[in-house]
Amino acid sequence: MEETGRQKAGSRQQSPTGQRKTLDSYIGKTIKLKTASNEEVEGLIYTYDKITNCIKSSFRIIKISFVKEIMSIGGEAKKDYLPIGPVAVDQLKNREADALKGLGNQVSKMGVGVTKEGQDIFNALSKTLPCRWSKDTIVVMDEVLITPPYSVENCKANATSVASLARVKKVLEGERKRLLK
């Protein structure tokens, strides 16, 4: 079954019986093939890509133009993989966008140039209160600022946010005690 150089998509191989077989017919079968460099490899064929004219097997991806000879050495192989159906590209794009948005949210919650203790306090506060970073300052509920070293004495707010300041100080004090344990 000699191959003659480059082949077009939908390539056919001559079978031992003289009939021509499409490469698609080898999918799911164990084959042995000889490459252009006379290397013999053996493995299960997973798929044949007509666009790139390559086969994907358990041994590697190989371009058909580098194959001298294909010999089928086994019948149908036991299929321990699920068949691949159509791919919903729009759903994949939506999942990717959601993942990137989630990653952006995670990155925005990481303080730059802050101590581990500062980050731990931010993480603890953000579980119960809306928080964000402004350089190395924790901004809670867009009303209270907590500057390093992130203690109750370092909480500041304007006169209209006295109730918020009291709540943040109470939560911060509790979180600092919990983190010290």
N, C-alpha and C. Protein backbone atom coordinates (compact mmCIF):
# COMPACT_ATOMS: atom_id res chain seq x y z
N MET A 1 0.84 -1.18 0.00
CA MET A 1 0.00 0.00 0.00
C MET A 1 0.87 1.23 0.00
N GLU A 2 1.55 1.50 -1.02
CA GLU A 2 2.45 2.64 -1.10
C GLU A 2 1.65 3.93 -1.24
N GLU A 3 2.05 4.93 -0.51
CA GLU A 3 1.49 6.28 -0.62
C GLU A 3 2.33 7.02 -1.63
N THR A 4 1.72 7.86 -2.39
CA THR A 4 2.45 8.61 -3.39
C THR A 4 2.44 10.09 -3.03
N GLY A 5 3.41 10.49 -2.21
CA GLY A 5 3.57 11.91 -1.88
C GLY A 5 2.37 12.53 -1.20
N ARG A 6 2.14 13.81 -1.49
CA ARG A 6 1.06 14.54 -0.83
C ARG A 6 -0.29 14.08 -1.38
N GLN A 7 -1.29 14.05 -0.46
CA GLN A 7 -2.62 13.64 -0.88
C GLN A 7 -3.62 14.71 -0.52
N LYS A 8 -4.73 14.71 -1.20
CA LYS A 8 -5.77 15.68 -0.93
C LYS A 8 -6.69 15.15 0.17
N ALA A 9 -7.50 16.06 0.74
CA ALA A 9 -8.46 15.68 1.77
C ALA A 9 -9.34 14.56 1.25
N GLY A 10 -9.72 13.63 2.16
CA GLY A 10 -10.52 12.48 1.75
C GLY A 10 -9.64 11.43 1.12
N SER A 11 -8.37 11.39 1.49
CA SER A 11 -7.40 10.46 0.93
C SER A 11 -7.89 9.03 1.02
N ARG A 12 -7.44 8.23 0.11
CA ARG A 12 -7.81 6.82 0.10
C ARG A 12 -6.54 5.98 0.15
N GLN A 13 -6.62 4.85 0.79
CA GLN A 13 -5.53 3.90 0.88
C GLN A 13 -5.97 2.62 0.17
N GLN A 14 -5.04 1.96 -0.46
CA GLN A 14 -5.31 0.69 -1.11
C GLN A 14 -5.33 -0.39 -0.03
N SER A 15 -6.40 -1.15 0.08
CA SER A 15 -6.48 -2.23 1.07
C SER A 15 -5.79 -3.48 0.52
N PRO A 16 -5.46 -4.45 1.39
CA PRO A 16 -4.80 -5.67 0.92
C PRO A 16 -5.62 -6.42 -0.12
N THR A 17 -6.94 -6.23 -0.09
CA THR A 17 -7.78 -6.94 -1.06
C THR A 17 -7.86 -6.20 -2.38
N GLY A 18 -7.19 -5.06 -2.48
CA GLY A 18 -7.20 -4.31 -3.72
C GLY A 18 -8.25 -3.22 -3.75
N GLN A 19 -9.14 -3.19 -2.74
CA GLN A 19 -10.17 -2.15 -2.70
C GLN A 19 -9.58 -0.89 -2.07
N ARG A 20 -10.09 0.25 -2.48
CA ARG A 20 -9.62 1.50 -1.92
C ARG A 20 -10.46 1.82 -0.69
N LYS A 21 -9.78 2.20 0.44
CA LYS A 21 -10.46 2.53 1.69
C LYS A 21 -10.22 4.00 2.01
N THR A 22 -11.24 4.66 2.51
CA THR A 22 -11.03 6.03 2.96
C THR A 22 -10.34 5.98 4.31
N LEU A 23 -9.61 7.04 4.65
CA LEU A 23 -8.94 7.10 5.95
C LEU A 23 -9.95 7.15 7.08
N ASP A 24 -11.15 7.64 6.80
CA ASP A 24 -12.21 7.64 7.81
C ASP A 24 -12.52 6.22 8.29
N SER A 25 -12.33 5.25 7.44
CA SER A 25 -12.66 3.87 7.82
C SER A 25 -11.69 3.30 8.85
N TYR A 26 -10.55 3.96 9.06
CA TYR A 26 -9.58 3.49 10.06
C TYR A 26 -9.89 4.03 11.46
N ILE A 27 -10.80 4.99 11.57
CA ILE A 27 -11.11 5.59 12.88
C ILE A 27 -11.65 4.52 13.81
N GLY A 28 -11.07 4.47 15.02
CA GLY A 28 -11.49 3.50 16.02
C GLY A 28 -10.79 2.16 15.88
N LYS A 29 -9.86 2.07 14.94
CA LYS A 29 -9.14 0.81 14.73
C LYS A 29 -7.68 0.99 15.11
N THR A 30 -7.06 -0.12 15.49
CA THR A 30 -5.64 -0.11 15.76
C THR A 30 -4.93 -0.37 14.44
N ILE A 31 -3.97 0.49 14.13
CA ILE A 31 -3.24 0.34 12.88
C ILE A 31 -1.75 0.38 13.14
N LYS A 32 -1.03 -0.08 12.15
CA LYS A 32 0.42 0.04 12.15
C LYS A 32 0.74 0.80 10.88
N LEU A 33 1.60 1.79 10.98
CA LEU A 33 1.95 2.52 9.78
C LEU A 33 3.44 2.73 9.70
N LYS A 34 3.90 2.95 8.48
CA LYS A 34 5.31 3.21 8.23
C LYS A 34 5.39 4.64 7.69
N THR A 35 6.26 5.46 8.33
CA THR A 35 6.40 6.85 7.93
C THR A 35 7.39 6.97 6.79
N ALA A 36 7.50 8.17 6.26
CA ALA A 36 8.42 8.43 5.16
C ALA A 36 9.87 8.17 5.59
N SER A 37 10.15 8.26 6.90
CA SER A 37 11.51 7.98 7.39
C SER A 37 11.67 6.52 7.81
N ASN A 38 10.76 5.66 7.35
CA ASN A 38 10.75 4.22 7.61
C ASN A 38 10.59 3.85 9.08
N GLU A 39 10.06 4.77 9.88
CA GLU A 39 9.74 4.48 11.27
C GLU A 39 8.39 3.77 11.30
N GLU A 40 8.31 2.67 12.05
CA GLU A 40 7.04 1.97 12.18
C GLU A 40 6.41 2.31 13.51
N VAL A 41 5.16 2.75 13.48
CA VAL A 41 4.42 3.09 14.69
C VAL A 41 3.08 2.37 14.67
N GLU A 42 2.57 2.14 15.87
CA GLU A 42 1.34 1.38 16.01
C GLU A 42 0.46 2.07 17.04
N GLY A 43 -0.83 2.15 16.80
CA GLY A 43 -1.73 2.75 17.78
C GLY A 43 -3.16 2.85 17.28
N LEU A 44 -4.00 3.35 18.15
CA LEU A 44 -5.43 3.51 17.88
C LEU A 44 -5.66 4.85 17.17
N ILE A 45 -6.43 4.85 16.10
CA ILE A 45 -6.76 6.06 15.37
C ILE A 45 -8.01 6.68 15.99
N TYR A 46 -7.87 7.93 16.46
CA TYR A 46 -8.99 8.64 17.06
C TYR A 46 -9.80 9.40 16.03
N THR A 47 -9.12 10.10 15.12
CA THR A 47 -9.85 10.90 14.15
C THR A 47 -8.97 11.19 12.94
N TYR A 48 -9.62 11.60 11.87
CA TYR A 48 -8.94 12.03 10.66
C TYR A 48 -9.47 13.40 10.30
N ASP A 49 -8.58 14.38 10.17
CA ASP A 49 -8.97 15.75 9.85
C ASP A 49 -8.74 15.97 8.35
N LYS A 50 -9.84 16.14 7.63
CA LYS A 50 -9.75 16.31 6.18
C LYS A 50 -9.17 17.67 5.79
N ILE A 51 -9.31 18.65 6.66
CA ILE A 51 -8.81 19.99 6.33
C ILE A 51 -7.28 20.03 6.39
N THR A 52 -6.71 19.50 7.49
CA THR A 52 -5.25 19.52 7.62
C THR A 52 -4.61 18.25 7.06
N ASN A 53 -5.44 17.28 6.69
CA ASN A 53 -4.97 16.01 6.15
C ASN A 53 -4.04 15.29 7.15
N CYS A 54 -4.50 15.25 8.41
CA CYS A 54 -3.75 14.61 9.48
C CYS A 54 -4.62 13.58 10.18
N ILE A 55 -3.97 12.58 10.78
CA ILE A 55 -4.68 11.65 11.63
C ILE A 55 -4.18 11.86 13.06
N LYS A 56 -5.10 11.73 14.02
CA LYS A 56 -4.77 11.82 15.44
C LYS A 56 -4.92 10.43 16.00
N SER A 57 -3.85 9.97 16.61
CA SER A 57 -3.87 8.60 17.12
C SER A 57 -3.30 8.57 18.53
N SER A 58 -3.25 7.38 19.09
CA SER A 58 -2.70 7.23 20.43
C SER A 58 -1.19 7.43 20.42
N PHE A 59 -0.56 7.40 19.25
CA PHE A 59 0.89 7.60 19.21
C PHE A 59 1.26 9.04 18.93
N ARG A 60 0.49 9.77 18.12
CA ARG A 60 0.75 11.19 17.84
C ARG A 60 -0.16 11.68 16.72
N ILE A 61 0.01 12.94 16.37
CA ILE A 61 -0.67 13.51 15.21
C ILE A 61 0.32 13.42 14.06
N ILE A 62 -0.14 12.90 12.94
CA ILE A 62 0.78 12.73 11.82
C ILE A 62 0.11 13.15 10.53
N LYS A 63 0.84 13.86 9.71
CA LYS A 63 0.35 14.31 8.42
C LYS A 63 0.37 13.12 7.46
N ILE A 64 -0.69 12.95 6.71
CA ILE A 64 -0.82 11.81 5.81
C ILE A 64 0.30 11.79 4.77
N SER A 65 0.77 12.95 4.35
CA SER A 65 1.82 12.98 3.34
C SER A 65 3.13 12.37 3.85
N PHE A 66 3.27 12.19 5.18
CA PHE A 66 4.47 11.56 5.75
C PHE A 66 4.28 10.07 5.99
N VAL A 67 3.16 9.52 5.54
CA VAL A 67 2.87 8.09 5.73
C VAL A 67 3.14 7.36 4.43
N LYS A 68 3.99 6.31 4.52
CA LYS A 68 4.27 5.49 3.35
C LYS A 68 3.24 4.37 3.21
N GLU A 69 2.88 3.76 4.35
CA GLU A 69 2.05 2.57 4.30
C GLU A 69 1.21 2.47 5.57
N ILE A 70 -0.05 2.06 5.42
CA ILE A 70 -0.93 1.83 6.57
C ILE A 70 -1.39 0.39 6.52
N MET A 71 -1.21 -0.29 7.66
CA MET A 71 -1.67 -1.67 7.76
C MET A 71 -2.64 -1.77 8.92
N SER A 72 -3.84 -2.25 8.68
CA SER A 72 -4.80 -2.46 9.76
C SER A 72 -4.43 -3.75 10.45
N ILE A 73 -4.15 -3.69 11.75
CA ILE A 73 -3.73 -4.91 12.45
C ILE A 73 -4.78 -5.40 13.43
N GLY A 74 -5.82 -4.64 13.62
CA GLY A 74 -6.86 -5.08 14.54
C GLY A 74 -8.20 -4.67 14.01
N GLY A 75 -9.19 -5.38 14.47
CA GLY A 75 -10.56 -5.01 14.11
C GLY A 75 -10.94 -3.76 14.88
N GLU A 76 -12.22 -3.67 15.15
CA GLU A 76 -12.69 -2.53 15.92
C GLU A 76 -12.06 -2.56 17.30
N ALA A 77 -11.46 -1.48 17.70
CA ALA A 77 -10.87 -1.37 19.03
C ALA A 77 -11.96 -1.05 20.03
N LYS A 78 -11.72 -1.42 21.27
CA LYS A 78 -12.66 -1.08 22.34
C LYS A 78 -12.61 0.44 22.49
N LYS A 79 -13.75 1.07 22.34
CA LYS A 79 -13.79 2.53 22.41
C LYS A 79 -14.02 2.94 23.86
N ASP A 80 -12.99 3.53 24.47
CA ASP A 80 -13.10 3.99 25.84
C ASP A 80 -13.21 5.51 25.88
N TYR A 81 -13.69 6.10 24.81
CA TYR A 81 -13.86 7.54 24.73
C TYR A 81 -15.22 7.82 24.12
N LEU A 82 -15.76 8.98 24.43
CA LEU A 82 -17.06 9.36 23.91
C LEU A 82 -16.92 9.97 22.52
N PRO A 83 -17.88 9.71 21.66
CA PRO A 83 -17.80 10.35 20.34
C PRO A 83 -17.95 11.86 20.50
N ILE A 84 -17.27 12.59 19.63
CA ILE A 84 -17.30 14.04 19.69
C ILE A 84 -18.39 14.54 18.76
N GLY A 85 -19.31 15.30 19.31
CA GLY A 85 -20.40 15.86 18.53
C GLY A 85 -20.09 17.29 18.14
N PRO A 86 -21.08 17.98 17.63
CA PRO A 86 -20.86 19.38 17.24
C PRO A 86 -20.53 20.23 18.47
N VAL A 87 -19.70 21.22 18.26
CA VAL A 87 -19.28 22.11 19.34
C VAL A 87 -20.07 23.42 19.22
N ALA A 88 -20.72 23.82 20.33
CA ALA A 88 -21.47 25.07 20.35
C ALA A 88 -20.50 26.20 20.65
N VAL A 89 -19.99 26.83 19.62
CA VAL A 89 -18.96 27.87 19.76
C VAL A 89 -19.48 29.06 20.56
N ASP A 90 -20.74 29.43 20.36
CA ASP A 90 -21.30 30.57 21.11
C ASP A 90 -21.29 30.29 22.61
N GLN A 91 -21.64 29.06 23.01
CA GLN A 91 -21.62 28.71 24.43
C GLN A 91 -20.20 28.75 24.97
N LEU A 92 -19.23 28.29 24.19
CA LEU A 92 -17.84 28.33 24.62
C LEU A 92 -17.37 29.78 24.80
N LYS A 93 -17.76 30.64 23.89
CA LYS A 93 -17.38 32.06 23.99
C LYS A 93 -18.00 32.69 25.23
N ASN A 94 -19.26 32.34 25.53
CA ASN A 94 -19.91 32.87 26.73
C ASN A 94 -19.23 32.37 27.99
N ARG A 95 -18.86 31.08 28.01
CA ARG A 95 -18.16 30.53 29.17
C ARG A 95 -16.81 31.20 29.36
N GLU A 96 -16.12 31.45 28.24
CA GLU A 96 -14.83 32.12 28.32
C GLU A 96 -14.99 33.54 28.86
N ALA A 97 -16.00 34.26 28.38
CA ALA A 97 -16.24 35.63 28.84
C ALA A 97 -16.57 35.64 30.34
N ASP A 98 -17.39 34.68 30.78
CA ASP A 98 -17.73 34.58 32.21
C ASP A 98 -16.49 34.28 33.04
N ALA A 99 -15.65 33.38 32.55
CA ALA A 99 -14.43 33.02 33.27
C ALA A 99 -13.48 34.22 33.36
N LEU A 100 -13.36 34.97 32.28
CA LEU A 100 -12.50 36.17 32.29
C LEU A 100 -13.06 37.24 33.23
N LYS A 101 -14.38 37.36 33.26
CA LYS A 101 -15.00 38.33 34.17
C LYS A 101 -14.73 37.91 35.62
N GLY A 102 -14.88 36.62 35.91
CA GLY A 102 -14.60 36.11 37.26
C GLY A 102 -13.14 36.31 37.64
N LEU A 103 -12.26 36.09 36.69
CA LEU A 103 -10.83 36.30 36.93
C LEU A 103 -10.55 37.77 37.19
N GLY A 104 -11.21 38.64 36.45
CA GLY A 104 -11.05 40.08 36.67
C GLY A 104 -11.51 40.48 38.06
N ASN A 105 -12.61 39.88 38.52
CA ASN A 105 -13.09 40.15 39.88
C ASN A 105 -12.08 39.68 40.92
N GLN A 106 -11.50 38.51 40.70
CA GLN A 106 -10.50 37.99 41.64
C GLN A 106 -9.27 38.90 41.67
N VAL A 107 -8.82 39.33 40.51
CA VAL A 107 -7.64 40.19 40.43
C VAL A 107 -7.91 41.53 41.12
N SER A 108 -9.13 42.06 40.97
CA SER A 108 -9.45 43.35 41.59
C SER A 108 -9.47 43.25 43.11
N LYS A 109 -9.60 42.06 43.65
CA LYS A 109 -9.62 41.87 45.10
C LYS A 109 -8.23 41.63 45.68
N MET A 110 -7.21 41.64 44.83
CA MET A 110 -5.85 41.45 45.31
C MET A 110 -5.18 42.81 45.47
N GLY A 111 -4.70 43.04 46.67
CA GLY A 111 -4.00 44.29 46.93
C GLY A 111 -2.58 44.24 46.39
N VAL A 112 -2.13 45.33 45.82
CA VAL A 112 -0.78 45.41 45.28
C VAL A 112 0.12 46.11 46.30
N GLY A 113 1.18 45.44 46.70
CA GLY A 113 2.12 46.03 47.65
C GLY A 113 1.60 46.06 49.07
N VAL A 114 0.67 45.17 49.41
CA VAL A 114 0.14 45.13 50.78
C VAL A 114 0.67 43.88 51.48
N THR A 115 0.63 43.92 52.80
CA THR A 115 1.12 42.78 53.58
C THR A 115 0.11 41.64 53.52
N LYS A 116 0.56 40.46 53.92
CA LYS A 116 -0.34 39.30 53.97
C LYS A 116 -1.47 39.58 54.95
N GLU A 117 -1.14 40.22 56.07
CA GLU A 117 -2.16 40.56 57.06
C GLU A 117 -3.21 41.50 56.45
N GLY A 118 -2.76 42.48 55.70
CA GLY A 118 -3.68 43.41 55.03
C GLY A 118 -4.60 42.69 54.06
N GLN A 119 -4.03 41.77 53.29
CA GLN A 119 -4.85 41.00 52.33
C GLN A 119 -5.83 40.11 53.07
N ASP A 120 -5.39 39.49 54.16
CA ASP A 120 -6.28 38.63 54.96
C ASP A 120 -7.44 39.43 55.53
N ILE A 121 -7.16 40.64 56.01
CA ILE A 121 -8.22 41.50 56.55
C ILE A 121 -9.19 41.89 55.44
N PHE A 122 -8.66 42.24 54.27
CA PHE A 122 -9.52 42.58 53.13
C PHE A 122 -10.42 41.40 52.78
N ASN A 123 -9.82 40.21 52.68
CA ASN A 123 -10.60 39.01 52.33
C ASN A 123 -11.70 38.75 53.34
N ALA A 124 -11.38 38.90 54.63
CA ALA A 124 -12.37 38.67 55.67
C ALA A 124 -13.49 39.69 55.61
N LEU A 125 -13.14 40.97 55.45
CA LEU A 125 -14.16 42.02 55.38
C LEU A 125 -15.05 41.88 54.14
N SER A 126 -14.44 41.48 53.03
CA SER A 126 -15.20 41.42 51.77
C SER A 126 -16.21 40.28 51.76
N LYS A 127 -16.13 39.38 52.73
CA LYS A 127 -17.14 38.30 52.81
C LYS A 127 -18.48 38.86 53.28
N THR A 128 -18.45 39.94 54.08
CA THR A 128 -19.70 40.48 54.63
C THR A 128 -19.99 41.91 54.18
N LEU A 129 -18.98 42.62 53.72
CA LEU A 129 -19.16 44.01 53.32
C LEU A 129 -18.54 44.25 51.94
N PRO A 130 -19.14 45.13 51.14
CA PRO A 130 -18.54 45.43 49.83
C PRO A 130 -17.24 46.21 50.02
N CYS A 131 -16.14 45.64 49.50
CA CYS A 131 -14.81 46.24 49.67
C CYS A 131 -14.10 46.32 48.32
N ARG A 132 -13.17 47.27 48.26
CA ARG A 132 -12.29 47.37 47.09
C ARG A 132 -10.98 48.01 47.55
N TRP A 133 -9.98 47.87 46.72
CA TRP A 133 -8.68 48.46 47.02
C TRP A 133 -8.55 49.80 46.31
N SER A 134 -7.91 50.76 46.98
CA SER A 134 -7.47 52.00 46.36
C SER A 134 -6.01 52.13 46.78
N LYS A 135 -5.13 51.67 45.90
CA LYS A 135 -3.70 51.51 46.21
C LYS A 135 -3.58 50.58 47.41
N ASP A 136 -3.07 51.06 48.55
CA ASP A 136 -2.93 50.17 49.71
C ASP A 136 -4.00 50.43 50.77
N THR A 137 -5.04 51.16 50.40
CA THR A 137 -6.13 51.49 51.32
C THR A 137 -7.36 50.65 50.99
N ILE A 138 -7.98 50.10 52.03
CA ILE A 138 -9.22 49.33 51.85
C ILE A 138 -10.38 50.32 51.91
N VAL A 139 -11.22 50.30 50.89
CA VAL A 139 -12.41 51.16 50.83
C VAL A 139 -13.61 50.25 51.07
N VAL A 140 -14.33 50.51 52.17
CA VAL A 140 -15.48 49.68 52.54
C VAL A 140 -16.76 50.47 52.31
N MET A 141 -17.70 49.87 51.58
CA MET A 141 -19.01 50.47 51.27
C MET A 141 -18.87 51.86 50.64
N ASP A 142 -17.76 52.14 50.01
CA ASP A 142 -17.48 53.45 49.40
C ASP A 142 -17.62 54.61 50.38
N GLU A 143 -17.52 54.32 51.69
CA GLU A 143 -17.67 55.36 52.70
C GLU A 143 -16.54 55.35 53.74
N VAL A 144 -15.98 54.19 54.01
CA VAL A 144 -14.99 54.06 55.08
C VAL A 144 -13.65 53.68 54.47
N LEU A 145 -12.58 54.35 54.91
CA LEU A 145 -11.23 54.05 54.45
C LEU A 145 -10.45 53.42 55.59
N ILE A 146 -9.74 52.34 55.30
CA ILE A 146 -8.88 51.70 56.30
C ILE A 146 -7.47 51.71 55.73
N THR A 147 -6.58 52.44 56.37
CA THR A 147 -5.20 52.57 55.90
C THR A 147 -4.30 51.62 56.69
N PRO A 148 -3.12 51.30 56.14
CA PRO A 148 -2.20 50.42 56.87
C PRO A 148 -1.87 51.02 58.22
N PRO A 149 -1.74 50.22 59.23
CA PRO A 149 -1.66 48.76 59.35
C PRO A 149 -3.02 48.09 59.52
N TYR A 150 -4.10 48.69 59.05
CA TYR A 150 -5.43 48.09 58.99
C TYR A 150 -5.99 47.72 60.37
N SER A 151 -5.84 48.63 61.31
CA SER A 151 -6.42 48.43 62.64
C SER A 151 -7.61 49.36 62.80
N VAL A 152 -8.36 49.18 63.90
CA VAL A 152 -9.56 49.99 64.16
C VAL A 152 -9.21 51.48 64.21
N GLU A 153 -8.02 51.81 64.73
CA GLU A 153 -7.60 53.21 64.82
C GLU A 153 -7.36 53.84 63.45
N ASN A 154 -7.17 53.01 62.42
CA ASN A 154 -6.87 53.51 61.07
C ASN A 154 -8.11 53.62 60.19
N CYS A 155 -9.31 53.51 60.78
CA CYS A 155 -10.56 53.65 60.03
C CYS A 155 -10.97 55.11 60.03
N LYS A 156 -11.35 55.60 58.85
CA LYS A 156 -11.76 56.99 58.71
C LYS A 156 -12.99 57.06 57.82
N ALA A 157 -13.85 58.03 58.13
CA ALA A 157 -15.04 58.27 57.30
C ALA A 157 -15.46 59.71 57.50
N ASN A 158 -16.25 60.24 56.58
CA ASN A 158 -16.72 61.62 56.74
C ASN A 158 -17.87 61.65 57.76
N ALA A 159 -18.30 62.82 58.12
CA ALA A 159 -19.29 62.99 59.19
C ALA A 159 -20.64 62.35 58.87
N THR A 160 -20.98 62.21 57.59
CA THR A 160 -22.28 61.62 57.23
C THR A 160 -22.27 60.10 57.29
N SER A 161 -21.10 59.49 57.49
CA SER A 161 -20.98 58.03 57.49
C SER A 161 -20.62 57.47 58.85
N VAL A 162 -21.10 58.11 59.91
CA VAL A 162 -20.76 57.70 61.27
C VAL A 162 -21.27 56.29 61.56
N ALA A 163 -22.49 55.98 61.13
CA ALA A 163 -23.07 54.65 61.38
C ALA A 163 -22.26 53.58 60.64
N SER A 164 -21.89 53.85 59.40
CA SER A 164 -21.07 52.91 58.63
C SER A 164 -19.71 52.72 59.27
N LEU A 165 -19.12 53.80 59.75
CA LEU A 165 -17.81 53.73 60.41
C LEU A 165 -17.89 52.84 61.64
N ALA A 166 -18.92 53.01 62.46
CA ALA A 166 -19.07 52.19 63.67
C ALA A 166 -19.21 50.71 63.30
N ARG A 167 -20.01 50.42 62.27
CA ARG A 167 -20.21 49.02 61.85
C ARG A 167 -18.90 48.43 61.35
N VAL A 168 -18.18 49.14 60.50
CA VAL A 168 -16.92 48.64 59.94
C VAL A 168 -15.91 48.40 61.06
N LYS A 169 -15.83 49.33 62.03
CA LYS A 169 -14.90 49.15 63.15
C LYS A 169 -15.23 47.88 63.93
N LYS A 170 -16.51 47.64 64.16
CA LYS A 170 -16.93 46.46 64.91
C LYS A 170 -16.56 45.18 64.15
N VAL A 171 -16.86 45.15 62.85
CA VAL A 171 -16.54 43.97 62.03
C VAL A 171 -15.03 43.78 61.95
N LEU A 172 -14.30 44.87 61.78
CA LEU A 172 -12.84 44.80 61.68
C LEU A 172 -12.23 44.26 62.97
N GLU A 173 -12.72 44.74 64.09
CA GLU A 173 -12.22 44.27 65.38
C GLU A 173 -12.44 42.76 65.53
N GLY A 174 -13.62 42.30 65.16
CA GLY A 174 -13.93 40.86 65.23
C GLY A 174 -13.04 40.05 64.29
N GLU A 175 -12.82 40.54 63.09
CA GLU A 175 -11.99 39.82 62.11
C GLU A 175 -10.53 39.78 62.55
N ARG A 176 -10.03 40.87 63.11
CA ARG A 176 -8.64 40.88 63.59
C ARG A 176 -8.46 39.86 64.72
N LYS A 177 -9.43 39.78 65.64
CA LYS A 177 -9.37 38.79 66.72
C LYS A 177 -9.38 37.38 66.14
N ARG A 178 -10.26 37.15 65.15
CA ARG A 178 -10.37 35.82 64.53
C ARG A 178 -9.08 35.45 63.80
N LEU A 179 -8.46 36.40 63.13
CA LEU A 179 -7.23 36.12 62.38
C LEU A 179 -6.04 35.86 63.32
N LEU A 180 -6.06 36.41 64.51
CA LEU A 180 -4.97 36.21 65.47
C LEU A 180 -4.99 34.81 66.07
N LYS A 181 -6.12 34.14 66.00
CA LYS A 181 -6.22 32.78 66.59
C LYS A 181 -5.45 31.77 65.81
